[in-house]
């Protein structure tokens, strides 16, 4: 297979990002978040990126492919459930959970995650694959990563959890119900009355451990 160039289409996910790719993805994000999927064309992306439409087409092939790669690029900024824990080991269940909750918080605060979620909600009825791709490229791998960390804690005897994927989603719900979804839905009054972020995280960790800590362990309900 020939190496991808600006003159030859290639699978965007299978090649390194070029400067042109980054310009295209930045332009696409600005446009899609502002004007939704139907309001954006390759011509508009090219104009915003300062490139020709042919270059955008050659690099990605279609508006759908640009959107998919924009979503992939967005989720690549997620810091992960517990940076370094797999290499260093020894993290307690509470430390893993707390680190993951803070990752969720920082991802919502420091990226366009809230605006992306609003975009998915707004477009998923008319363009169903958008929600599927948002999950496949981001939410799904994040759940799987946390479930993998929970699996390790179960193997180490630090959790008693028969279904780690279910538990991972439960924990994310405990955090996101307070820190993400009120902002996605625009509940300004409710969001202003929510507890402090650290209180939300503390209570999520305690609630989770009350259910899944081994019998007799600190935090266990047994």
N, C-alpha and C. Protein backbone atom coordinates (compact mmCIF):
# COMPACT_ATOMS: atom_id res chain seq x y z
N UNK A 1 0.84 -1.21 0.00
CA UNK A 1 0.00 0.00 0.00
C UNK A 1 0.87 1.24 0.00
N UNK A 2 0.54 2.21 -0.83
CA UNK A 2 1.32 3.43 -0.92
C UNK A 2 1.17 4.25 0.35
N UNK A 3 2.22 4.96 0.70
CA UNK A 3 2.15 5.83 1.87
C UNK A 3 1.19 6.97 1.59
N UNK A 4 0.36 7.34 2.58
CA UNK A 4 -0.60 8.42 2.37
C UNK A 4 0.09 9.76 2.18
N UNK A 5 -0.42 10.55 1.26
CA UNK A 5 0.07 11.91 1.03
C UNK A 5 -1.14 12.82 0.88
N UNK A 6 -0.89 14.12 0.72
CA UNK A 6 -1.98 15.06 0.50
C UNK A 6 -2.68 14.81 -0.83
N UNK A 7 -2.07 14.02 -1.70
CA UNK A 7 -2.66 13.75 -3.01
C UNK A 7 -3.30 12.38 -3.10
N UNK A 8 -3.29 11.61 -2.00
CA UNK A 8 -3.84 10.25 -2.05
C UNK A 8 -4.65 9.98 -0.80
N UNK A 9 -5.95 9.58 -0.98
CA UNK A 9 -6.75 9.28 0.19
C UNK A 9 -6.16 8.14 0.99
N UNK A 10 -6.36 8.17 2.30
CA UNK A 10 -5.89 7.10 3.17
C UNK A 10 -6.81 7.05 4.37
N UNK A 11 -6.88 5.89 5.02
CA UNK A 11 -7.69 5.77 6.23
C UNK A 11 -7.11 6.68 7.30
N UNK A 12 -7.88 7.68 7.70
CA UNK A 12 -7.35 8.70 8.60
C UNK A 12 -6.89 8.13 9.92
N UNK A 13 -7.58 7.10 10.41
CA UNK A 13 -7.22 6.53 11.71
C UNK A 13 -5.92 5.75 11.66
N UNK A 14 -5.46 5.39 10.44
CA UNK A 14 -4.30 4.51 10.30
C UNK A 14 -3.02 5.25 9.95
N UNK A 15 -3.03 6.56 9.96
CA UNK A 15 -1.82 7.29 9.62
C UNK A 15 -1.54 8.39 10.64
N UNK A 16 -0.28 8.80 10.75
CA UNK A 16 0.04 9.90 11.67
C UNK A 16 -0.65 11.18 11.24
N UNK A 17 -0.95 12.02 12.20
CA UNK A 17 -1.58 13.31 11.91
C UNK A 17 -0.56 14.24 11.26
N UNK A 18 -0.91 14.79 10.11
CA UNK A 18 -0.08 15.80 9.46
C UNK A 18 -0.52 17.18 9.93
N UNK A 19 0.28 18.22 9.68
CA UNK A 19 -0.18 19.57 10.00
C UNK A 19 -1.51 19.91 9.33
N UNK A 20 -1.70 19.43 8.10
CA UNK A 20 -2.97 19.67 7.42
C UNK A 20 -4.12 18.99 8.15
N UNK A 21 -3.89 17.75 8.60
CA UNK A 21 -4.93 17.04 9.36
C UNK A 21 -5.35 17.83 10.59
N UNK A 22 -4.37 18.33 11.33
CA UNK A 22 -4.67 19.06 12.56
C UNK A 22 -5.46 20.33 12.27
N UNK A 23 -5.09 21.02 11.20
CA UNK A 23 -5.84 22.22 10.82
C UNK A 23 -7.28 21.87 10.44
N UNK A 24 -7.43 20.78 9.71
CA UNK A 24 -8.77 20.34 9.31
C UNK A 24 -9.62 19.97 10.52
N UNK A 25 -9.03 19.21 11.45
CA UNK A 25 -9.80 18.77 12.61
C UNK A 25 -10.16 19.93 13.53
N UNK A 26 -9.24 20.89 13.68
CA UNK A 26 -9.57 22.07 14.49
C UNK A 26 -10.72 22.86 13.85
N UNK A 27 -10.63 23.05 12.54
CA UNK A 27 -11.69 23.78 11.84
C UNK A 27 -13.01 23.03 11.93
N UNK A 28 -12.95 21.72 11.74
CA UNK A 28 -14.17 20.91 11.79
C UNK A 28 -14.82 20.99 13.17
N UNK A 29 -14.02 20.93 14.22
CA UNK A 29 -14.59 21.00 15.56
C UNK A 29 -15.32 22.32 15.78
N UNK A 30 -14.70 23.41 15.39
CA UNK A 30 -15.34 24.72 15.54
C UNK A 30 -16.68 24.76 14.82
N UNK A 31 -16.71 24.23 13.61
CA UNK A 31 -17.92 24.31 12.79
C UNK A 31 -19.00 23.35 13.27
N UNK A 32 -18.63 22.09 13.53
CA UNK A 32 -19.64 21.12 13.96
C UNK A 32 -20.26 21.51 15.30
N UNK A 33 -19.45 21.99 16.24
CA UNK A 33 -20.00 22.37 17.53
C UNK A 33 -20.90 23.59 17.42
N UNK A 34 -20.61 24.46 16.47
CA UNK A 34 -21.43 25.67 16.31
C UNK A 34 -22.68 25.43 15.47
N UNK A 35 -22.55 24.64 14.40
CA UNK A 35 -23.62 24.55 13.39
C UNK A 35 -24.20 23.16 13.22
N UNK A 36 -23.80 22.21 14.07
CA UNK A 36 -24.31 20.84 14.01
C UNK A 36 -23.86 20.16 12.71
N UNK A 37 -24.23 18.88 12.58
CA UNK A 37 -23.72 18.08 11.47
C UNK A 37 -24.25 18.58 10.13
N UNK A 38 -25.56 18.82 10.06
CA UNK A 38 -26.16 19.20 8.78
C UNK A 38 -25.68 20.56 8.29
N UNK A 39 -25.23 21.41 9.19
CA UNK A 39 -24.84 22.75 8.81
C UNK A 39 -23.41 22.88 8.33
N UNK A 40 -22.70 21.76 8.21
CA UNK A 40 -21.28 21.80 7.86
C UNK A 40 -21.06 21.03 6.56
N UNK A 41 -20.21 21.54 5.71
CA UNK A 41 -19.81 20.87 4.48
C UNK A 41 -18.29 20.82 4.41
N UNK A 42 -17.78 19.99 3.50
CA UNK A 42 -16.33 19.94 3.31
C UNK A 42 -15.81 21.29 2.83
N UNK A 43 -16.61 22.00 2.04
CA UNK A 43 -16.20 23.32 1.57
C UNK A 43 -15.99 24.27 2.74
N UNK A 44 -16.91 24.25 3.69
CA UNK A 44 -16.78 25.15 4.84
C UNK A 44 -15.59 24.76 5.71
N UNK A 45 -15.38 23.45 5.88
CA UNK A 45 -14.21 23.00 6.66
C UNK A 45 -12.93 23.47 5.98
N UNK A 46 -12.86 23.29 4.67
CA UNK A 46 -11.66 23.70 3.93
C UNK A 46 -11.43 25.20 4.06
N UNK A 47 -12.49 25.98 3.92
CA UNK A 47 -12.35 27.43 4.03
C UNK A 47 -11.86 27.84 5.41
N UNK A 48 -12.44 27.23 6.47
CA UNK A 48 -12.03 27.57 7.83
C UNK A 48 -10.58 27.14 8.07
N UNK A 49 -10.17 26.01 7.50
CA UNK A 49 -8.81 25.50 7.70
C UNK A 49 -7.78 26.21 6.82
N UNK A 50 -8.24 26.99 5.84
CA UNK A 50 -7.31 27.65 4.93
C UNK A 50 -6.69 26.69 3.94
N UNK A 51 -7.45 25.66 3.56
CA UNK A 51 -6.97 24.65 2.62
C UNK A 51 -7.99 24.50 1.50
N UNK A 52 -7.61 23.75 0.47
CA UNK A 52 -8.56 23.49 -0.61
C UNK A 52 -9.51 22.37 -0.22
N UNK A 53 -10.69 22.37 -0.84
CA UNK A 53 -11.62 21.27 -0.60
C UNK A 53 -11.00 19.95 -1.02
N UNK A 54 -10.21 19.95 -2.10
CA UNK A 54 -9.60 18.72 -2.57
C UNK A 54 -8.64 18.15 -1.53
N UNK A 55 -7.90 19.02 -0.84
CA UNK A 55 -7.00 18.54 0.20
C UNK A 55 -7.78 17.89 1.33
N UNK A 56 -8.88 18.52 1.75
CA UNK A 56 -9.71 17.93 2.81
C UNK A 56 -10.23 16.58 2.35
N UNK A 57 -10.71 16.51 1.11
CA UNK A 57 -11.22 15.24 0.59
C UNK A 57 -10.12 14.19 0.52
N UNK A 58 -8.95 14.59 0.03
CA UNK A 58 -7.85 13.63 -0.09
C UNK A 58 -7.41 13.10 1.27
N UNK A 59 -7.45 13.94 2.28
CA UNK A 59 -7.00 13.52 3.61
C UNK A 59 -8.03 12.66 4.33
N UNK A 60 -9.32 12.91 4.10
CA UNK A 60 -10.34 12.21 4.88
C UNK A 60 -11.40 11.50 4.04
N UNK A 61 -11.70 11.98 2.87
CA UNK A 61 -12.61 11.27 1.98
C UNK A 61 -14.06 11.69 2.03
N UNK A 62 -14.54 12.15 3.18
CA UNK A 62 -15.95 12.53 3.30
C UNK A 62 -16.16 13.35 4.57
N UNK A 63 -17.31 14.03 4.62
CA UNK A 63 -17.67 14.77 5.83
C UNK A 63 -17.82 13.81 7.01
N UNK A 64 -18.41 12.65 6.76
CA UNK A 64 -18.59 11.67 7.84
C UNK A 64 -17.25 11.25 8.43
N UNK A 65 -16.26 11.02 7.56
CA UNK A 65 -14.93 10.63 8.05
C UNK A 65 -14.29 11.75 8.85
N UNK A 66 -14.46 12.99 8.41
CA UNK A 66 -13.94 14.13 9.17
C UNK A 66 -14.57 14.15 10.56
N UNK A 67 -15.87 13.95 10.62
CA UNK A 67 -16.57 13.97 11.91
C UNK A 67 -16.05 12.86 12.82
N UNK A 68 -15.92 11.66 12.28
CA UNK A 68 -15.44 10.53 13.09
C UNK A 68 -14.04 10.82 13.65
N UNK A 69 -13.16 11.34 12.82
CA UNK A 69 -11.80 11.61 13.29
C UNK A 69 -11.76 12.77 14.26
N UNK A 70 -12.65 13.73 14.10
CA UNK A 70 -12.76 14.81 15.07
C UNK A 70 -13.16 14.26 16.43
N UNK A 71 -14.11 13.32 16.45
CA UNK A 71 -14.53 12.70 17.72
C UNK A 71 -13.39 11.89 18.31
N UNK A 72 -12.68 11.12 17.47
CA UNK A 72 -11.53 10.34 17.96
C UNK A 72 -10.47 11.26 18.57
N UNK A 73 -10.21 12.36 17.90
CA UNK A 73 -9.21 13.31 18.38
C UNK A 73 -9.65 13.92 19.72
N UNK A 74 -10.93 14.23 19.83
CA UNK A 74 -11.46 14.77 21.09
C UNK A 74 -11.24 13.80 22.25
N UNK A 75 -11.61 12.55 22.07
CA UNK A 75 -11.51 11.58 23.17
C UNK A 75 -10.07 11.21 23.49
N UNK A 76 -9.15 11.45 22.56
CA UNK A 76 -7.74 11.13 22.84
C UNK A 76 -7.18 11.98 23.97
N UNK A 77 -7.87 13.07 24.32
CA UNK A 77 -7.42 13.93 25.42
C UNK A 77 -7.82 13.40 26.78
N UNK A 78 -8.65 12.36 26.83
CA UNK A 78 -9.06 11.84 28.14
C UNK A 78 -7.85 11.22 28.83
N UNK A 79 -7.57 11.62 30.08
CA UNK A 79 -6.32 11.19 30.72
C UNK A 79 -6.31 9.76 31.21
N UNK A 80 -7.44 9.08 31.25
CA UNK A 80 -7.46 7.69 31.69
C UNK A 80 -7.88 7.55 33.13
N UNK A 81 -8.22 6.32 33.54
CA UNK A 81 -8.77 6.10 34.87
C UNK A 81 -7.79 6.26 36.00
N UNK A 82 -6.51 5.99 35.74
CA UNK A 82 -5.53 6.03 36.84
C UNK A 82 -4.14 6.09 36.25
N UNK A 83 -3.70 7.25 35.80
CA UNK A 83 -2.42 7.34 35.10
C UNK A 83 -1.27 6.73 35.88
N UNK A 84 -0.53 5.82 35.20
CA UNK A 84 0.66 5.24 35.81
C UNK A 84 0.40 4.07 36.72
N UNK A 85 -0.86 3.78 37.05
CA UNK A 85 -1.12 2.74 38.04
C UNK A 85 -0.72 1.36 37.53
N UNK A 86 -0.92 1.13 36.22
CA UNK A 86 -0.58 -0.18 35.68
C UNK A 86 0.92 -0.44 35.76
N UNK A 87 1.72 0.63 35.68
CA UNK A 87 3.16 0.45 35.76
C UNK A 87 3.65 0.38 37.20
N UNK A 88 3.09 1.24 38.05
CA UNK A 88 3.60 1.33 39.41
C UNK A 88 2.94 0.34 40.36
N UNK A 89 1.65 0.06 40.14
CA UNK A 89 0.95 -0.87 41.01
C UNK A 89 0.78 -0.31 42.41
N UNK A 90 0.04 -1.08 43.21
CA UNK A 90 -0.08 -0.72 44.62
C UNK A 90 -1.15 0.28 44.94
N UNK A 91 -1.89 0.79 43.96
CA UNK A 91 -2.93 1.77 44.25
C UNK A 91 -4.12 1.09 44.91
N UNK A 92 -4.69 1.75 45.89
CA UNK A 92 -5.88 1.21 46.56
C UNK A 92 -7.10 1.46 45.69
N UNK A 93 -8.20 0.78 46.03
CA UNK A 93 -9.45 0.99 45.30
C UNK A 93 -9.87 2.45 45.40
N UNK A 94 -9.76 3.02 46.59
CA UNK A 94 -10.15 4.42 46.76
C UNK A 94 -9.31 5.34 45.88
N UNK A 95 -8.01 5.09 45.79
CA UNK A 95 -7.13 5.93 44.97
C UNK A 95 -7.48 5.82 43.49
N UNK A 96 -7.76 4.59 43.03
CA UNK A 96 -8.13 4.40 41.63
C UNK A 96 -9.42 5.13 41.31
N UNK A 97 -10.42 4.96 42.17
CA UNK A 97 -11.72 5.59 41.93
C UNK A 97 -11.62 7.11 41.98
N UNK A 98 -10.89 7.60 42.94
CA UNK A 98 -10.76 9.05 43.08
C UNK A 98 -10.03 9.65 41.86
N UNK A 99 -8.97 8.98 41.40
CA UNK A 99 -8.24 9.47 40.23
C UNK A 99 -9.13 9.46 38.99
N UNK A 100 -9.93 8.41 38.85
CA UNK A 100 -10.81 8.34 37.69
C UNK A 100 -11.87 9.44 37.73
N UNK A 101 -12.46 9.65 38.91
CA UNK A 101 -13.47 10.70 39.04
C UNK A 101 -12.89 12.07 38.71
N UNK A 102 -11.66 12.30 39.13
CA UNK A 102 -11.02 13.58 38.82
C UNK A 102 -10.71 13.69 37.33
N UNK A 103 -10.43 12.55 36.69
CA UNK A 103 -10.23 12.57 35.24
C UNK A 103 -11.52 12.97 34.53
N UNK A 104 -12.65 12.42 34.99
CA UNK A 104 -13.93 12.81 34.41
C UNK A 104 -14.18 14.31 34.59
N UNK A 105 -13.88 14.79 35.78
CA UNK A 105 -14.09 16.21 36.06
C UNK A 105 -13.21 17.08 35.16
N UNK A 106 -11.92 16.77 35.07
CA UNK A 106 -11.02 17.61 34.28
C UNK A 106 -11.36 17.53 32.80
N UNK A 107 -11.78 16.36 32.33
CA UNK A 107 -12.16 16.23 30.92
C UNK A 107 -13.37 17.11 30.61
N UNK A 108 -14.33 17.15 31.52
CA UNK A 108 -15.51 18.00 31.32
C UNK A 108 -15.15 19.48 31.41
N UNK A 109 -14.22 19.81 32.31
CA UNK A 109 -13.88 21.22 32.55
C UNK A 109 -12.91 21.79 31.53
N UNK A 110 -12.00 20.96 31.02
CA UNK A 110 -10.87 21.47 30.24
C UNK A 110 -10.95 21.19 28.75
N UNK A 111 -11.98 20.47 28.31
CA UNK A 111 -12.18 20.22 26.88
C UNK A 111 -13.59 20.67 26.49
N UNK A 112 -13.96 20.37 25.27
CA UNK A 112 -15.31 20.69 24.79
C UNK A 112 -16.29 19.54 25.02
N UNK A 113 -16.06 18.71 26.03
CA UNK A 113 -16.90 17.55 26.26
C UNK A 113 -18.37 17.91 26.44
N UNK A 114 -18.68 18.96 27.16
CA UNK A 114 -20.07 19.34 27.37
C UNK A 114 -20.72 19.70 26.05
N UNK A 115 -20.03 20.47 25.23
CA UNK A 115 -20.57 20.85 23.93
C UNK A 115 -20.70 19.65 23.00
N UNK A 116 -19.74 18.72 23.06
CA UNK A 116 -19.84 17.50 22.26
C UNK A 116 -21.06 16.69 22.67
N UNK A 117 -21.28 16.54 23.98
CA UNK A 117 -22.44 15.78 24.45
C UNK A 117 -23.74 16.42 23.98
N UNK A 118 -23.80 17.75 24.01
CA UNK A 118 -24.99 18.44 23.52
C UNK A 118 -25.19 18.18 22.02
N UNK A 119 -24.08 18.18 21.28
CA UNK A 119 -24.16 17.90 19.84
C UNK A 119 -24.72 16.51 19.59
N UNK A 120 -24.23 15.52 20.33
CA UNK A 120 -24.69 14.14 20.15
C UNK A 120 -26.18 14.03 20.48
N UNK A 121 -26.60 14.63 21.59
CA UNK A 121 -28.01 14.59 21.98
C UNK A 121 -28.88 15.24 20.90
N UNK A 122 -28.42 16.37 20.38
CA UNK A 122 -29.21 17.10 19.39
C UNK A 122 -29.32 16.36 18.06
N UNK A 123 -28.27 15.63 17.67
CA UNK A 123 -28.22 15.04 16.34
C UNK A 123 -28.57 13.55 16.30
N UNK A 124 -28.60 12.86 17.44
CA UNK A 124 -28.69 11.40 17.42
C UNK A 124 -30.01 10.89 16.85
N UNK A 125 -31.08 11.65 16.97
CA UNK A 125 -32.36 11.19 16.41
C UNK A 125 -32.33 11.27 14.89
N UNK A 126 -31.76 12.33 14.35
CA UNK A 126 -31.72 12.52 12.90
C UNK A 126 -30.57 11.77 12.24
N UNK A 127 -29.44 11.67 12.95
CA UNK A 127 -28.24 10.99 12.41
C UNK A 127 -27.79 9.97 13.47
N UNK A 128 -28.44 8.80 13.54
CA UNK A 128 -28.20 7.87 14.66
C UNK A 128 -26.76 7.41 14.81
N UNK A 129 -26.00 7.30 13.72
CA UNK A 129 -24.64 6.79 13.83
C UNK A 129 -23.74 7.71 14.65
N UNK A 130 -24.11 8.99 14.78
CA UNK A 130 -23.28 9.92 15.54
C UNK A 130 -23.18 9.47 16.99
N UNK A 131 -24.29 9.09 17.60
CA UNK A 131 -24.27 8.62 18.99
C UNK A 131 -23.47 7.33 19.10
N UNK A 132 -23.66 6.42 18.13
CA UNK A 132 -22.92 5.16 18.16
C UNK A 132 -21.42 5.40 18.08
N UNK A 133 -21.00 6.32 17.21
CA UNK A 133 -19.57 6.60 17.08
C UNK A 133 -19.01 7.30 18.31
N UNK A 134 -19.79 8.20 18.88
CA UNK A 134 -19.33 8.88 20.09
C UNK A 134 -19.09 7.87 21.20
N UNK A 135 -19.94 6.85 21.27
CA UNK A 135 -19.74 5.80 22.27
C UNK A 135 -18.59 4.89 21.89
N UNK A 136 -18.53 4.46 20.63
CA UNK A 136 -17.50 3.51 20.20
C UNK A 136 -16.10 4.08 20.32
N UNK A 137 -15.95 5.35 19.98
CA UNK A 137 -14.62 5.96 19.97
C UNK A 137 -14.22 6.55 21.32
N UNK A 138 -15.18 6.75 22.22
CA UNK A 138 -14.85 7.42 23.47
C UNK A 138 -15.42 6.79 24.71
N UNK A 139 -16.73 6.91 24.88
CA UNK A 139 -17.35 6.43 26.11
C UNK A 139 -17.09 4.94 26.32
N UNK A 140 -17.23 4.13 25.27
CA UNK A 140 -17.00 2.69 25.40
C UNK A 140 -15.60 2.35 25.88
N UNK A 141 -14.55 2.87 25.23
CA UNK A 141 -13.19 2.60 25.70
C UNK A 141 -12.92 3.13 27.10
N UNK A 142 -13.54 4.24 27.49
CA UNK A 142 -13.35 4.76 28.85
C UNK A 142 -13.95 3.80 29.86
N UNK A 143 -15.17 3.31 29.58
CA UNK A 143 -15.79 2.31 30.47
C UNK A 143 -14.92 1.07 30.54
N UNK A 144 -14.42 0.61 29.39
CA UNK A 144 -13.59 -0.59 29.37
C UNK A 144 -12.30 -0.40 30.16
N UNK A 145 -11.71 0.79 30.07
CA UNK A 145 -10.48 1.06 30.82
C UNK A 145 -10.72 1.02 32.32
N UNK A 146 -11.82 1.64 32.76
CA UNK A 146 -12.12 1.60 34.19
C UNK A 146 -12.46 0.18 34.62
N UNK A 147 -13.21 -0.55 33.81
CA UNK A 147 -13.52 -1.94 34.15
C UNK A 147 -12.25 -2.77 34.27
N UNK A 148 -11.27 -2.50 33.40
CA UNK A 148 -10.00 -3.21 33.50
C UNK A 148 -9.28 -2.93 34.81
N UNK A 149 -9.31 -1.68 35.26
CA UNK A 149 -8.70 -1.35 36.55
C UNK A 149 -9.46 -2.01 37.70
N UNK A 150 -10.79 -2.07 37.58
CA UNK A 150 -11.58 -2.75 38.61
C UNK A 150 -11.27 -4.24 38.62
N UNK A 151 -11.09 -4.83 37.43
CA UNK A 151 -10.69 -6.25 37.36
C UNK A 151 -9.40 -6.49 38.14
N UNK A 152 -8.43 -5.59 37.97
CA UNK A 152 -7.16 -5.75 38.69
C UNK A 152 -7.36 -5.64 40.19
N UNK A 153 -8.23 -4.74 40.62
CA UNK A 153 -8.51 -4.60 42.05
C UNK A 153 -9.21 -5.83 42.59
N UNK A 154 -10.09 -6.43 41.79
CA UNK A 154 -10.74 -7.68 42.20
C UNK A 154 -9.71 -8.78 42.35
N UNK A 155 -8.79 -8.90 41.38
CA UNK A 155 -7.75 -9.93 41.46
C UNK A 155 -6.86 -9.75 42.68
N UNK A 156 -6.65 -8.50 43.07
CA UNK A 156 -5.81 -8.21 44.24
C UNK A 156 -6.58 -8.31 45.56
N UNK A 157 -7.86 -8.67 45.47
CA UNK A 157 -8.66 -8.81 46.68
C UNK A 157 -9.11 -7.49 47.28
N UNK A 158 -9.02 -6.40 46.51
CA UNK A 158 -9.37 -5.08 47.04
C UNK A 158 -10.81 -4.69 46.74
N UNK A 159 -11.46 -5.44 45.86
CA UNK A 159 -12.88 -5.25 45.58
C UNK A 159 -13.55 -6.61 45.47
N UNK A 160 -14.84 -6.64 45.75
CA UNK A 160 -15.65 -7.84 45.54
C UNK A 160 -16.75 -7.45 44.55
N UNK A 161 -16.46 -7.68 43.27
CA UNK A 161 -17.29 -7.08 42.21
C UNK A 161 -17.51 -8.12 41.10
N UNK A 162 -18.68 -8.74 41.02
CA UNK A 162 -18.90 -9.80 40.03
C UNK A 162 -19.02 -9.31 38.59
N UNK A 163 -19.38 -8.06 38.37
CA UNK A 163 -19.56 -7.52 37.01
C UNK A 163 -18.90 -6.15 36.96
N UNK A 164 -17.65 -6.12 36.53
CA UNK A 164 -16.90 -4.86 36.59
C UNK A 164 -17.37 -3.84 35.55
N UNK A 165 -17.90 -4.30 34.42
CA UNK A 165 -18.43 -3.33 33.44
C UNK A 165 -19.66 -2.63 34.00
N UNK A 166 -20.53 -3.39 34.64
CA UNK A 166 -21.69 -2.78 35.30
C UNK A 166 -21.23 -1.80 36.37
N UNK A 167 -20.27 -2.23 37.18
CA UNK A 167 -19.78 -1.38 38.26
C UNK A 167 -19.12 -0.12 37.72
N UNK A 168 -18.38 -0.24 36.62
CA UNK A 168 -17.74 0.93 36.02
C UNK A 168 -18.78 1.96 35.59
N UNK A 169 -19.84 1.49 34.96
CA UNK A 169 -20.89 2.40 34.53
C UNK A 169 -21.62 3.01 35.73
N UNK A 170 -21.80 2.22 36.78
CA UNK A 170 -22.44 2.75 37.98
C UNK A 170 -21.61 3.89 38.57
N UNK A 171 -20.29 3.69 38.65
CA UNK A 171 -19.45 4.73 39.24
C UNK A 171 -19.45 5.99 38.37
N UNK A 172 -19.37 5.80 37.06
CA UNK A 172 -19.42 6.97 36.18
C UNK A 172 -20.73 7.73 36.37
N UNK A 173 -21.82 6.99 36.55
CA UNK A 173 -23.11 7.64 36.78
C UNK A 173 -23.13 8.45 38.06
N UNK A 174 -22.52 7.92 39.12
CA UNK A 174 -22.47 8.64 40.38
C UNK A 174 -21.76 9.99 40.24
N UNK A 175 -20.77 10.03 39.38
CA UNK A 175 -20.01 11.27 39.19
C UNK A 175 -20.68 12.18 38.16
N UNK A 176 -21.03 11.61 37.01
CA UNK A 176 -21.52 12.44 35.90
C UNK A 176 -22.91 13.02 36.15
N UNK A 177 -23.71 12.35 36.96
CA UNK A 177 -25.04 12.89 37.26
C UNK A 177 -24.94 14.28 37.89
N UNK A 178 -23.84 14.53 38.59
CA UNK A 178 -23.65 15.83 39.23
C UNK A 178 -22.73 16.77 38.44
N UNK A 179 -21.65 16.21 37.88
CA UNK A 179 -20.61 17.07 37.30
C UNK A 179 -20.75 17.29 35.80
N UNK A 180 -21.55 16.46 35.13
CA UNK A 180 -21.63 16.56 33.67
C UNK A 180 -23.05 16.85 33.19
N UNK A 181 -24.00 16.00 33.54
CA UNK A 181 -25.32 16.08 32.91
C UNK A 181 -26.10 17.36 33.20
N UNK A 182 -26.04 17.94 34.40
CA UNK A 182 -26.72 19.23 34.57
C UNK A 182 -26.19 20.30 33.62
N UNK A 183 -24.90 20.25 33.31
CA UNK A 183 -24.31 21.21 32.38
C UNK A 183 -24.71 20.91 30.94
N UNK A 184 -24.76 19.62 30.59
CA UNK A 184 -25.19 19.25 29.24
C UNK A 184 -26.62 19.74 28.99
N UNK A 185 -27.49 19.54 29.97
CA UNK A 185 -28.89 19.90 29.81
C UNK A 185 -29.16 21.38 30.05
N UNK A 186 -28.16 22.09 30.53
CA UNK A 186 -28.33 23.52 30.75
C UNK A 186 -29.16 23.88 31.97
N UNK A 187 -29.11 23.01 32.99
CA UNK A 187 -29.86 23.27 34.23
C UNK A 187 -29.07 24.25 35.09
N UNK A 188 -29.08 25.50 34.73
CA UNK A 188 -28.24 26.49 35.39
C UNK A 188 -28.55 26.61 36.87
N UNK A 189 -29.83 26.71 37.21
CA UNK A 189 -30.22 26.87 38.61
C UNK A 189 -29.83 25.65 39.43
N UNK A 190 -30.11 24.45 38.88
CA UNK A 190 -29.75 23.23 39.60
C UNK A 190 -28.24 23.11 39.75
N UNK A 191 -27.50 23.41 38.67
CA UNK A 191 -26.05 23.25 38.73
C UNK A 191 -25.44 24.18 39.77
N UNK A 192 -25.96 25.38 39.89
CA UNK A 192 -25.42 26.33 40.87
C UNK A 192 -25.68 25.88 42.30
N UNK A 193 -26.67 24.99 42.50
CA UNK A 193 -27.01 24.53 43.85
C UNK A 193 -26.37 23.19 44.19
N UNK A 194 -25.58 22.64 43.28
CA UNK A 194 -24.98 21.33 43.53
C UNK A 194 -23.87 21.42 44.57
N UNK A 195 -23.55 20.28 45.22
CA UNK A 195 -22.44 20.28 46.17
C UNK A 195 -21.11 20.58 45.49
N UNK A 196 -20.12 20.92 46.29
CA UNK A 196 -18.76 21.11 45.78
C UNK A 196 -18.28 19.85 45.08
N UNK A 197 -17.44 20.03 44.07
CA UNK A 197 -16.95 18.90 43.29
C UNK A 197 -16.31 17.83 44.15
N UNK A 198 -15.48 18.22 45.10
CA UNK A 198 -14.81 17.22 45.94
C UNK A 198 -15.80 16.46 46.81
N UNK A 199 -16.89 17.12 47.21
CA UNK A 199 -17.94 16.42 47.96
C UNK A 199 -18.59 15.36 47.07
N UNK A 200 -18.87 15.72 45.83
CA UNK A 200 -19.45 14.77 44.88
C UNK A 200 -18.54 13.56 44.71
N UNK A 201 -17.25 13.81 44.54
CA UNK A 201 -16.30 12.71 44.34
C UNK A 201 -16.19 11.86 45.61
N UNK A 202 -16.08 12.49 46.76
CA UNK A 202 -16.00 11.75 48.02
C UNK A 202 -17.20 10.83 48.19
N UNK A 203 -18.39 11.37 47.95
CA UNK A 203 -19.60 10.58 48.16
C UNK A 203 -19.73 9.47 47.13
N UNK A 204 -19.29 9.71 45.90
CA UNK A 204 -19.31 8.66 44.88
C UNK A 204 -18.40 7.51 45.28
N UNK A 205 -17.21 7.83 45.76
CA UNK A 205 -16.27 6.79 46.18
C UNK A 205 -16.83 6.01 47.36
N UNK A 206 -17.36 6.71 48.35
CA UNK A 206 -17.91 6.03 49.53
C UNK A 206 -19.09 5.13 49.17
N UNK A 207 -19.97 5.63 48.32
CA UNK A 207 -21.13 4.84 47.90
C UNK A 207 -20.69 3.58 47.16
N UNK A 208 -19.73 3.74 46.25
CA UNK A 208 -19.23 2.60 45.49
C UNK A 208 -18.59 1.56 46.40
N UNK A 209 -17.75 2.01 47.32
CA UNK A 209 -17.07 1.07 48.22
C UNK A 209 -18.03 0.43 49.21
N UNK A 210 -19.10 1.13 49.57
CA UNK A 210 -20.10 0.51 50.44
C UNK A 210 -20.72 -0.70 49.77
N UNK A 211 -20.79 -0.68 48.45
CA UNK A 211 -21.35 -1.82 47.70
C UNK A 211 -20.29 -2.86 47.36
N UNK A 212 -19.09 -2.45 47.00
CA UNK A 212 -18.14 -3.39 46.40
C UNK A 212 -16.87 -3.66 47.20
N UNK A 213 -16.65 -2.99 48.32
CA UNK A 213 -15.48 -3.33 49.14
C UNK A 213 -15.65 -4.74 49.69
N UNK A 214 -14.56 -5.50 49.84
CA UNK A 214 -14.66 -6.85 50.40
C UNK A 214 -15.26 -6.81 51.80
N UNK A 215 -15.99 -7.84 52.20
CA UNK A 215 -16.57 -7.87 53.55
C UNK A 215 -15.51 -7.63 54.62
N UNK A 216 -15.81 -6.72 55.52
CA UNK A 216 -14.89 -6.42 56.61
C UNK A 216 -13.89 -5.34 56.30
N UNK A 217 -13.79 -4.95 55.02
CA UNK A 217 -12.83 -3.89 54.65
C UNK A 217 -13.41 -2.53 55.00
N UNK A 218 -12.53 -1.55 55.15
CA UNK A 218 -12.97 -0.18 55.41
C UNK A 218 -13.84 0.29 54.25
N UNK A 219 -15.00 0.84 54.57
CA UNK A 219 -15.93 1.31 53.55
C UNK A 219 -16.96 0.29 53.16
N UNK A 220 -16.77 -0.98 53.54
CA UNK A 220 -17.72 -2.02 53.20
C UNK A 220 -18.99 -1.87 54.02
N UNK A 221 -20.12 -2.20 53.39
CA UNK A 221 -21.39 -2.17 54.11
C UNK A 221 -21.60 -3.44 54.91
N UNK A 222 -20.75 -4.45 54.69
CA UNK A 222 -20.91 -5.73 55.38
C UNK A 222 -20.43 -5.63 56.82
